[in-house]
Amino acid sequence: MGEALIAALIGKKVFKASEIGLHEPDPVRLKSLRKKYPVLDFPSNAQLAAHASTILLAVKPQQMKEVLREIRPVVTKKHLLLSIAAGLDTNYYAQKLSRGIRLIRIMPNMASLIGEGAAGLYAGRQATPGDRTLALRIFSAAGQALFVEREELLDVVTAVSGSGPAFVYLFIDALIEAGGARGLARELGQQLVLQTLIGSVKMVAASKEPIPAMIQRVASKGGTTEAGLRVLEENHFREMIRKTIEAAADRARELRCMF
């Protein structure tokens, strides 16, 4: 995700490569990154933090404690911290650093890798309007970025857009398999399914109609769509999706207690 953001920020000309620094402990990985992006590299997290005004914490939750221990001596109220680590709330950072830190938490998703991400953001109490603007500028480079006003809503964001791609992939695969079961070649089925989803998403984004009205426009009385929708309703499709999101959001809350 860190590399995806670097690529987006440079590609969209939000920042120059010379304005971006990183610390990568893996020398092979560092060499690869430096070959692609002529960014600054620092030998330690502490040196990077001391040099920067905005710090992106793009590490796994289980690595965060050690990273914060390293940068604690140099982090001040002049720094803005951006964290994409799932499950670590603002209290966690306040305890590890100080209660005066300016912090924004972000939950991006996998599509950020191709510049089509969906990111939910939450600003801690000390974050300024300028901090919010900068965070939006950074994460909008890799897709769409939106703030939520209550931190607990990031658990729902995690479930809907963070985990959401996997649920969509499953739906895509199920449609392809269903077509294959009735004789449609997988390659052809995949092309049709993907274009159907792309077109449907673009229509929803462009239309001012409510989604239920759009469904009814496709579902002619006594037609094929109505027959398929009836099966989904009989099998409680909406309830299944609701339970899926609830399970993912509940797990996000549980993970907060593990660190």
C-alpha atoms as a PDB file:
ATOM      1  CA  MET A   1       0.000   0.000   0.000  1.00  0.00           C
ATOM      2  CA  GLY A   2       2.898   2.337   0.713  1.00  0.00           C
ATOM      3  CA  GLU A   3       4.280   1.773  -2.775  1.00  0.00           C
ATOM      4  CA  ALA A   4       0.831   2.288  -4.295  1.00  0.00           C
ATOM      5  CA  LEU A   5       0.625   5.687  -2.618  1.00  0.00           C
ATOM      6  CA  ILE A   6       4.135   6.652  -3.723  1.00  0.00           C
ATOM      7  CA  ALA A   7       3.253   5.754  -7.316  1.00  0.00           C
ATOM      8  CA  ALA A   8      -0.025   7.684  -7.140  1.00  0.00           C
ATOM      9  CA  LEU A   9       1.470  10.782  -5.510  1.00  0.00           C
ATOM     10  CA  ILE A  10       4.273  11.006  -8.056  1.00  0.00           C
ATOM     11  CA  GLY A  11       2.082  10.024 -11.004  1.00  0.00           C
ATOM     12  CA  LYS A  12      -0.606  12.602 -10.136  1.00  0.00           C
ATOM     13  CA  LYS A  13       2.110  15.185  -9.393  1.00  0.00           C
ATOM     14  CA  VAL A  14       0.850  15.731  -5.864  1.00  0.00           C
ATOM     15  CA  PHE A  15       4.471  15.613  -4.676  1.00  0.00           C
ATOM     16  CA  LYS A  16       7.823  15.373  -6.373  1.00  0.00           C
ATOM     17  CA  ALA A  17       9.859  12.228  -5.734  1.00  0.00           C
ATOM     18  CA  SER A  18      12.402  14.400  -3.937  1.00  0.00           C
ATOM     19  CA  GLU A  19       9.682  15.419  -1.444  1.00  0.00           C
ATOM     20  CA  ILE A  20       8.961  11.816  -0.433  1.00  0.00           C
ATOM     21  CA  GLY A  21      11.108   9.749   1.909  1.00  0.00           C
ATOM     22  CA  LEU A  22      10.905   6.195   3.160  1.00  0.00           C
ATOM     23  CA  HIS A  23      12.584   3.670   5.409  1.00  0.00           C
ATOM     24  CA  GLU A  24      12.686   0.110   4.044  1.00  0.00           C
ATOM     25  CA  PRO A  25      14.696  -2.385   6.143  1.00  0.00           C
ATOM     26  CA  ASP A  26      14.763  -5.034   3.402  1.00  0.00           C
ATOM     27  CA  PRO A  27      17.722  -4.119   1.128  1.00  0.00           C
ATOM     28  CA  VAL A  28      16.346  -6.054  -1.841  1.00  0.00           C
ATOM     29  CA  ARG A  29      12.977  -4.340  -1.545  1.00  0.00           C
ATOM     30  CA  LEU A  30      14.649  -0.965  -1.063  1.00  0.00           C
ATOM     31  CA  LYS A  31      16.725  -1.422  -4.225  1.00  0.00           C
ATOM     32  CA  SER A  32      13.587  -2.261  -6.187  1.00  0.00           C
ATOM     33  CA  LEU A  33      11.723   0.779  -4.853  1.00  0.00           C
ATOM     34  CA  ARG A  34      14.613   3.135  -5.485  1.00  0.00           C
ATOM     35  CA  LYS A  35      14.886   1.864  -9.057  1.00  0.00           C
ATOM     36  CA  LYS A  36      11.229   2.676  -9.706  1.00  0.00           C
ATOM     37  CA  TYR A  37      10.938   5.881  -7.693  1.00  0.00           C
ATOM     38  CA  PRO A  38      13.838   8.288  -7.036  1.00  0.00           C
ATOM     39  CA  VAL A  39      12.596   9.063  -3.508  1.00  0.00           C
ATOM     40  CA  LEU A  40      14.752   9.775  -0.464  1.00  0.00           C
ATOM     41  CA  ASP A  41      15.604   6.786   1.700  1.00  0.00           C
ATOM     42  CA  PHE A  42      16.592   6.893   5.362  1.00  0.00           C
ATOM     43  CA  PRO A  43      18.546   4.307   7.390  1.00  0.00           C
ATOM     44  CA  SER A  44      16.041   4.329  10.268  1.00  0.00           C
ATOM     45  CA  ASN A  45      12.468   5.243  11.102  1.00  0.00           C
ATOM     46  CA  ALA A  46      13.707   7.804  13.633  1.00  0.00           C
ATOM     47  CA  GLN A  47      15.830   9.637  11.061  1.00  0.00           C
ATOM     48  CA  LEU A  48      12.951   9.656   8.603  1.00  0.00           C
ATOM     49  CA  ALA A  49      10.547  11.018  11.237  1.00  0.00           C
ATOM     50  CA  ALA A  50      13.021  13.700  12.294  1.00  0.00           C
ATOM     51  CA  HIS A  51      13.312  14.868   8.672  1.00  0.00           C
ATOM     52  CA  ALA A  52       9.590  14.796   7.824  1.00  0.00           C
ATOM     53  CA  SER A  53       6.609  16.937   8.791  1.00  0.00           C
ATOM     54  CA  THR A  54       4.039  14.313   7.731  1.00  0.00           C
ATOM     55  CA  ILE A  55       4.631  10.660   8.618  1.00  0.00           C
ATOM     56  CA  LEU A  56       2.742   7.837   6.937  1.00  0.00           C
ATOM     57  CA  LEU A  57       2.709   4.727   9.117  1.00  0.00           C
ATOM     58  CA  ALA A  58       2.343   2.054   6.433  1.00  0.00           C
ATOM     59  CA  VAL A  59       3.217  -1.001   8.507  1.00  0.00           C
ATOM     60  CA  LYS A  60       1.293  -4.001   9.804  1.00  0.00           C
ATOM     61  CA  PRO A  61      -0.413  -3.634  13.210  1.00  0.00           C
ATOM     62  CA  GLN A  62       1.948  -6.157  14.826  1.00  0.00           C
ATOM     63  CA  GLN A  63       4.937  -4.035  13.715  1.00  0.00           C
ATOM     64  CA  MET A  64       3.514  -0.734  14.915  1.00  0.00           C
ATOM     65  CA  LYS A  65       4.634  -0.921  18.560  1.00  0.00           C
ATOM     66  CA  GLU A  66       8.311  -1.150  17.562  1.00  0.00           C
ATOM     67  CA  VAL A  67       8.001   1.597  14.930  1.00  0.00           C
ATOM     68  CA  LEU A  68       6.381   3.974  17.430  1.00  0.00           C
ATOM     69  CA  ARG A  69       9.064   3.154  19.983  1.00  0.00           C
ATOM     70  CA  GLU A  70      11.684   4.189  17.421  1.00  0.00           C
ATOM     71  CA  ILE A  71      10.090   7.477  16.435  1.00  0.00           C
ATOM     72  CA  ARG A  72       8.746   8.544  19.849  1.00  0.00           C
ATOM     73  CA  PRO A  73      11.853  10.608  20.779  1.00  0.00           C
ATOM     74  CA  VAL A  74      11.537  12.778  17.670  1.00  0.00           C
ATOM     75  CA  VAL A  75       7.767  13.071  17.162  1.00  0.00           C
ATOM     76  CA  THR A  76       6.316  16.416  18.283  1.00  0.00           C
ATOM     77  CA  LYS A  77       3.053  18.338  17.899  1.00  0.00           C
ATOM     78  CA  LYS A  78       4.508  19.719  14.670  1.00  0.00           C
ATOM     79  CA  HIS A  79       4.172  16.291  13.045  1.00  0.00           C
ATOM     80  CA  LEU A  80       1.069  14.956  11.317  1.00  0.00           C
ATOM     81  CA  LEU A  81       0.778  11.174  11.578  1.00  0.00           C
ATOM     82  CA  LEU A  82      -1.218   9.197   9.027  1.00  0.00           C
ATOM     83  CA  SER A  83      -1.843   5.557   9.872  1.00  0.00           C
ATOM     84  CA  ILE A  84      -3.262   2.857   7.607  1.00  0.00           C
ATOM     85  CA  ALA A  85      -2.872   0.086  10.202  1.00  0.00           C
ATOM     86  CA  ALA A  86      -6.173  -1.693  10.820  1.00  0.00           C
ATOM     87  CA  GLY A  87      -7.418  -2.190  14.363  1.00  0.00           C
ATOM     88  CA  LEU A  88      -5.294   0.438  16.126  1.00  0.00           C
ATOM     89  CA  ASP A  89      -7.407   3.322  17.397  1.00  0.00           C
ATOM     90  CA  THR A  90      -6.396   6.852  18.352  1.00  0.00           C
ATOM     91  CA  ASN A  91      -6.017   5.893  22.027  1.00  0.00           C
ATOM     92  CA  TYR A  92      -3.351   3.373  21.055  1.00  0.00           C
ATOM     93  CA  TYR A  93      -1.208   6.072  19.430  1.00  0.00           C
ATOM     94  CA  ALA A  94      -1.831   8.513  22.279  1.00  0.00           C
ATOM     95  CA  GLN A  95      -0.553   5.936  24.773  1.00  0.00           C
ATOM     96  CA  LYS A  96       2.514   5.052  22.716  1.00  0.00           C
ATOM     97  CA  LEU A  97       3.429   8.644  21.773  1.00  0.00           C
ATOM     98  CA  SER A  98       1.551  11.482  23.495  1.00  0.00           C
ATOM     99  CA  ARG A  99      -1.992  12.764  23.814  1.00  0.00           C
ATOM    100  CA  GLY A 100      -1.170  15.891  21.859  1.00  0.00           C
ATOM    101  CA  ILE A 101      -0.327  14.148  18.586  1.00  0.00           C
ATOM    102  CA  ARG A 102      -2.023  15.138  15.362  1.00  0.00           C
ATOM    103  CA  LEU A 103      -3.297  11.865  13.920  1.00  0.00           C
ATOM    104  CA  ILE A 104      -5.512  10.754  11.063  1.00  0.00           C
ATOM    105  CA  ARG A 105      -6.424   7.106  10.621  1.00  0.00           C
ATOM    106  CA  ILE A 106      -7.108   5.793   7.136  1.00  0.00           C
ATOM    107  CA  MET A 107      -8.633   2.557   5.917  1.00  0.00           C
ATOM    108  CA  PRO A 108      -7.716   2.223   2.205  1.00  0.00           C
ATOM    109  CA  ASN A 109      -8.484  -0.804   0.063  1.00  0.00           C
ATOM    110  CA  MET A 110      -6.794  -3.017  -2.497  1.00  0.00           C
ATOM    111  CA  ALA A 111      -7.979  -1.033  -5.523  1.00  0.00           C
ATOM    112  CA  SER A 112      -5.596   1.758  -4.461  1.00  0.00           C
ATOM    113  CA  LEU A 113      -2.977  -0.333  -6.268  1.00  0.00           C
ATOM    114  CA  ILE A 114      -4.528   0.712  -9.594  1.00  0.00           C
ATOM    115  CA  GLY A 115      -5.600   4.214  -8.553  1.00  0.00           C
ATOM    116  CA  GLU A 116      -9.240   3.229  -7.984  1.00  0.00           C
ATOM    117  CA  GLY A 117      -9.216   2.860  -4.207  1.00  0.00           C
ATOM    118  CA  ALA A 118     -11.872   3.766  -1.661  1.00  0.00           C
ATOM    119  CA  ALA A 119     -10.477   5.136   1.592  1.00  0.00           C
ATOM    120  CA  GLY A 120     -12.304   6.028   4.792  1.00  0.00           C
ATOM    121  CA  LEU A 121     -10.574   8.552   7.053  1.00  0.00           C
ATOM    122  CA  TYR A 122     -11.007   9.621  10.677  1.00  0.00           C
ATOM    123  CA  ALA A 123      -9.295  12.678  12.157  1.00  0.00           C
ATOM    124  CA  GLY A 124      -8.154  12.623  15.775  1.00  0.00           C
ATOM    125  CA  ARG A 125      -9.073  15.520  18.062  1.00  0.00           C
ATOM    126  CA  GLN A 126      -5.789  17.380  17.558  1.00  0.00           C
ATOM    127  CA  ALA A 127      -5.861  17.216  13.755  1.00  0.00           C
ATOM    128  CA  THR A 128      -6.392  20.587  12.095  1.00  0.00           C
ATOM    129  CA  PRO A 129      -8.545  21.478   9.075  1.00  0.00           C
ATOM    130  CA  GLY A 130      -5.281  21.754   7.133  1.00  0.00           C
ATOM    131  CA  ASP A 131      -4.357  18.227   8.208  1.00  0.00           C
ATOM    132  CA  ARG A 132      -7.675  16.930   6.908  1.00  0.00           C
ATOM    133  CA  THR A 133      -7.145  18.715   3.589  1.00  0.00           C
ATOM    134  CA  LEU A 134      -3.646  17.264   3.216  1.00  0.00           C
ATOM    135  CA  ALA A 135      -4.843  13.727   4.035  1.00  0.00           C
ATOM    136  CA  LEU A 136      -7.597  13.996   1.437  1.00  0.00           C
ATOM    137  CA  ARG A 137      -5.077  15.280  -1.093  1.00  0.00           C
ATOM    138  CA  ILE A 138      -2.777  12.324  -0.450  1.00  0.00           C
ATOM    139  CA  PHE A 139      -5.350   9.542  -0.488  1.00  0.00           C
ATOM    140  CA  SER A 140      -7.480  11.001  -3.285  1.00  0.00           C
ATOM    141  CA  ALA A 141      -4.437  10.473  -5.513  1.00  0.00           C
ATOM    142  CA  ALA A 142      -5.123   6.718  -5.295  1.00  0.00           C
ATOM    143  CA  GLY A 143      -8.904   6.845  -5.645  1.00  0.00           C
ATOM    144  CA  GLN A 144     -11.711   8.339  -3.578  1.00  0.00           C
ATOM    145  CA  ALA A 145     -11.197   9.434   0.034  1.00  0.00           C
ATOM    146  CA  LEU A 146     -13.979  10.307   2.483  1.00  0.00           C
ATOM    147  CA  PHE A 147     -14.014  11.287   6.158  1.00  0.00           C
ATOM    148  CA  VAL A 148     -16.214   9.682   8.808  1.00  0.00           C
ATOM    149  CA  GLU A 149     -16.954  11.736  11.911  1.00  0.00           C
ATOM    150  CA  ARG A 150     -16.981   8.900  14.480  1.00  0.00           C
ATOM    151  CA  GLU A 151     -13.993   6.615  14.911  1.00  0.00           C
ATOM    152  CA  GLU A 152     -16.084   3.486  15.421  1.00  0.00           C
ATOM    153  CA  LEU A 153     -17.399   3.919  11.870  1.00  0.00           C
ATOM    154  CA  LEU A 154     -13.948   2.919  10.585  1.00  0.00           C
ATOM    155  CA  ASP A 155     -14.882  -0.637  11.619  1.00  0.00           C
ATOM    156  CA  VAL A 156     -17.812  -0.437   9.196  1.00  0.00           C
ATOM    157  CA  VAL A 157     -15.578   1.126   6.521  1.00  0.00           C
ATOM    158  CA  THR A 158     -13.172  -1.771   7.039  1.00  0.00           C
ATOM    159  CA  ALA A 159     -16.013  -4.215   6.411  1.00  0.00           C
ATOM    160  CA  VAL A 160     -17.644  -2.403   3.477  1.00  0.00           C
ATOM    161  CA  SER A 161     -14.709  -1.086   1.444  1.00  0.00           C
ATOM    162  CA  GLY A 162     -11.659  -2.665   3.080  1.00  0.00           C
ATOM    163  CA  SER A 163     -12.955  -6.252   2.938  1.00  0.00           C
ATOM    164  CA  GLY A 164     -15.483  -5.432   0.226  1.00  0.00           C
ATOM    165  CA  PRO A 165     -13.245  -6.254  -2.752  1.00  0.00           C
ATOM    166  CA  ALA A 166     -13.030  -9.897  -1.636  1.00  0.00           C
ATOM    167  CA  PHE A 167     -16.826 -10.090  -1.421  1.00  0.00           C
ATOM    168  CA  VAL A 168     -17.118  -8.581  -4.904  1.00  0.00           C
ATOM    169  CA  TYR A 169     -14.495 -11.006  -6.251  1.00  0.00           C
ATOM    170  CA  LEU A 170     -16.550 -13.878  -4.842  1.00  0.00           C
ATOM    171  CA  PHE A 171     -19.710 -12.553  -6.501  1.00  0.00           C
ATOM    172  CA  ILE A 172     -17.855 -12.201  -9.818  1.00  0.00           C
ATOM    173  CA  ASP A 173     -16.498 -15.740  -9.587  1.00  0.00           C
ATOM    174  CA  ALA A 174     -19.942 -17.102  -8.694  1.00  0.00           C
ATOM    175  CA  LEU A 175     -21.511 -15.421 -11.737  1.00  0.00           C
ATOM    176  CA  ILE A 176     -18.782 -16.819 -13.994  1.00  0.00           C
ATOM    177  CA  GLU A 177     -19.191 -20.317 -12.530  1.00  0.00           C
ATOM    178  CA  ALA A 178     -22.977 -20.155 -12.884  1.00  0.00           C
ATOM    179  CA  GLY A 179     -22.629 -19.250 -16.552  1.00  0.00           C
ATOM    180  CA  GLY A 180     -20.117 -22.067 -16.994  1.00  0.00           C
ATOM    181  CA  ALA A 181     -22.520 -24.567 -15.434  1.00  0.00           C
ATOM    182  CA  ARG A 182     -24.923 -23.778 -18.273  1.00  0.00           C
ATOM    183  CA  GLY A 183     -22.263 -24.121 -20.983  1.00  0.00           C
ATOM    184  CA  LEU A 184     -20.716 -20.637 -21.214  1.00  0.00           C
ATOM    185  CA  ALA A 185     -16.926 -20.836 -21.682  1.00  0.00           C
ATOM    186  CA  ARG A 186     -15.114 -19.359 -18.678  1.00  0.00           C
ATOM    187  CA  GLU A 187     -13.107 -16.810 -20.679  1.00  0.00           C
ATOM    188  CA  LEU A 188     -16.206 -15.534 -22.451  1.00  0.00           C
ATOM    189  CA  GLY A 189     -18.198 -15.594 -19.207  1.00  0.00           C
ATOM    190  CA  GLN A 190     -15.530 -13.580 -17.400  1.00  0.00           C
ATOM    191  CA  GLN A 191     -15.493 -10.927 -20.135  1.00  0.00           C
ATOM    192  CA  LEU A 192     -19.275 -10.597 -20.005  1.00  0.00           C
ATOM    193  CA  VAL A 193     -19.443 -10.531 -16.202  1.00  0.00           C
ATOM    194  CA  LEU A 194     -16.667  -7.953 -15.813  1.00  0.00           C
ATOM    195  CA  GLN A 195     -18.155  -5.616 -18.407  1.00  0.00           C
ATOM    196  CA  THR A 196     -21.589  -6.049 -16.840  1.00  0.00           C
ATOM    197  CA  LEU A 197     -20.229  -4.964 -13.462  1.00  0.00           C
ATOM    198  CA  ILE A 198     -18.248  -2.077 -14.942  1.00  0.00           C
ATOM    199  CA  GLY A 199     -21.297  -0.824 -16.836  1.00  0.00           C
ATOM    200  CA  SER A 200     -23.614  -1.272 -13.858  1.00  0.00           C
ATOM    201  CA  VAL A 201     -21.285   0.622 -11.511  1.00  0.00           C
ATOM    202  CA  LYS A 202     -20.945   3.476 -13.999  1.00  0.00           C
ATOM    203  CA  MET A 203     -24.709   3.665 -14.431  1.00  0.00           C
ATOM    204  CA  VAL A 204     -25.293   3.873 -10.676  1.00  0.00           C
ATOM    205  CA  ALA A 205     -22.620   6.572 -10.387  1.00  0.00           C
ATOM    206  CA  ALA A 206     -24.119   8.589 -13.258  1.00  0.00           C
ATOM    207  CA  SER A 207     -27.816   8.172 -12.401  1.00  0.00           C
ATOM    208  CA  LYS A 208     -29.902  10.296 -10.062  1.00  0.00           C
ATOM    209  CA  GLU A 209     -32.419   7.478  -9.688  1.00  0.00           C
ATOM    210  CA  PRO A 210     -32.550   5.474  -6.447  1.00  0.00           C
ATOM    211  CA  ILE A 211     -30.979   2.040  -6.871  1.00  0.00           C
ATOM    212  CA  PRO A 212     -34.285   0.176  -6.198  1.00  0.00           C
ATOM    213  CA  ALA A 213     -35.835   2.094  -9.117  1.00  0.00           C
ATOM    214  CA  MET A 214     -32.933   1.080 -11.353  1.00  0.00           C
ATOM    215  CA  ILE A 215     -33.455  -2.559 -10.369  1.00  0.00           C
ATOM    216  CA  GLN A 216     -37.111  -2.332 -11.331  1.00  0.00           C
ATOM    217  CA  ARG A 217     -36.242  -0.826 -14.717  1.00  0.00           C
ATOM    218  CA  VAL A 218     -34.280  -3.988 -15.546  1.00  0.00           C
ATOM    219  CA  ALA A 219     -36.819  -6.370 -14.024  1.00  0.00           C
ATOM    220  CA  SER A 220     -39.654  -6.516 -16.562  1.00  0.00           C
ATOM    221  CA  LYS A 221     -42.880  -8.063 -15.298  1.00  0.00           C
ATOM    222  CA  GLY A 222     -42.724 -11.823 -15.761  1.00  0.00           C
ATOM    223  CA  GLY A 223     -39.262 -11.627 -17.302  1.00  0.00           C
ATOM    224  CA  THR A 224     -35.896 -13.295 -16.722  1.00  0.00           C
ATOM    225  CA  THR A 225     -34.563 -10.697 -14.265  1.00  0.00           C
ATOM    226  CA  GLU A 226     -37.673 -10.934 -12.119  1.00  0.00           C
ATOM    227  CA  ALA A 227     -37.265 -14.732 -11.997  1.00  0.00           C
ATOM    228  CA  GLY A 228     -33.658 -14.399 -10.846  1.00  0.00           C
ATOM    229  CA  LEU A 229     -34.442 -11.682  -8.298  1.00  0.00           C
ATOM    230  CA  ARG A 230     -37.155 -13.868  -6.809  1.00  0.00           C
ATOM    231  CA  VAL A 231     -34.561 -16.563  -6.062  1.00  0.00           C
ATOM    232  CA  LEU A 232     -32.286 -14.004  -4.377  1.00  0.00           C
ATOM    233  CA  GLU A 233     -35.164 -12.733  -2.257  1.00  0.00           C
ATOM    234  CA  GLU A 234     -36.291 -16.242  -1.309  1.00  0.00           C
ATOM    235  CA  ASN A 235     -32.756 -17.010  -0.168  1.00  0.00           C
ATOM    236  CA  HIS A 236     -32.506 -13.773   1.863  1.00  0.00           C
ATOM    237  CA  PHE A 237     -29.734 -12.202  -0.217  1.00  0.00           C
ATOM    238  CA  ARG A 238     -29.883  -8.822   1.541  1.00  0.00           C
ATOM    239  CA  GLU A 239     -29.834 -10.484   4.952  1.00  0.00           C
ATOM    240  CA  MET A 240     -26.800 -12.545   3.918  1.00  0.00           C
ATOM    241  CA  ILE A 241     -24.935  -9.370   2.885  1.00  0.00           C
ATOM    242  CA  ARG A 242     -25.922  -7.633   6.128  1.00  0.00           C
ATOM    243  CA  LYS A 243     -24.577 -10.545   8.167  1.00  0.00           C
ATOM    244  CA  THR A 244     -21.372 -10.572   6.079  1.00  0.00           C
ATOM    245  CA  ILE A 245     -20.712  -6.895   6.856  1.00  0.00           C
ATOM    246  CA  GLU A 246     -21.613  -7.383  10.513  1.00  0.00           C
ATOM    247  CA  ALA A 247     -19.152 -10.272  10.831  1.00  0.00           C
ATOM    248  CA  ALA A 248     -16.322  -8.274   9.238  1.00  0.00           C
ATOM    249  CA  ALA A 249     -17.068  -5.159  11.315  1.00  0.00           C
ATOM    250  CA  ASP A 250     -17.275  -7.205  14.527  1.00  0.00           C
ATOM    251  CA  ARG A 251     -13.903  -8.766  13.731  1.00  0.00           C
ATOM    252  CA  ALA A 252     -12.419  -5.309  13.185  1.00  0.00           C
ATOM    253  CA  ARG A 253     -13.585  -4.340  16.689  1.00  0.00           C
ATOM    254  CA  GLU A 254     -12.131  -7.556  18.136  1.00  0.00           C
ATOM    255  CA  LEU A 255      -8.756  -6.866  16.521  1.00  0.00           C
ATOM    256  CA  ARG A 256      -8.545  -3.548  18.380  1.00  0.00           C
ATOM    257  CA  CYS A 257      -8.348  -5.494  21.635  1.00  0.00           C
ATOM    258  CA  MET A 258      -5.408  -7.596  20.473  1.00  0.00           C
ATOM    259  CA  PHE A 259      -2.767  -4.849  20.333  1.00  0.00           C
END
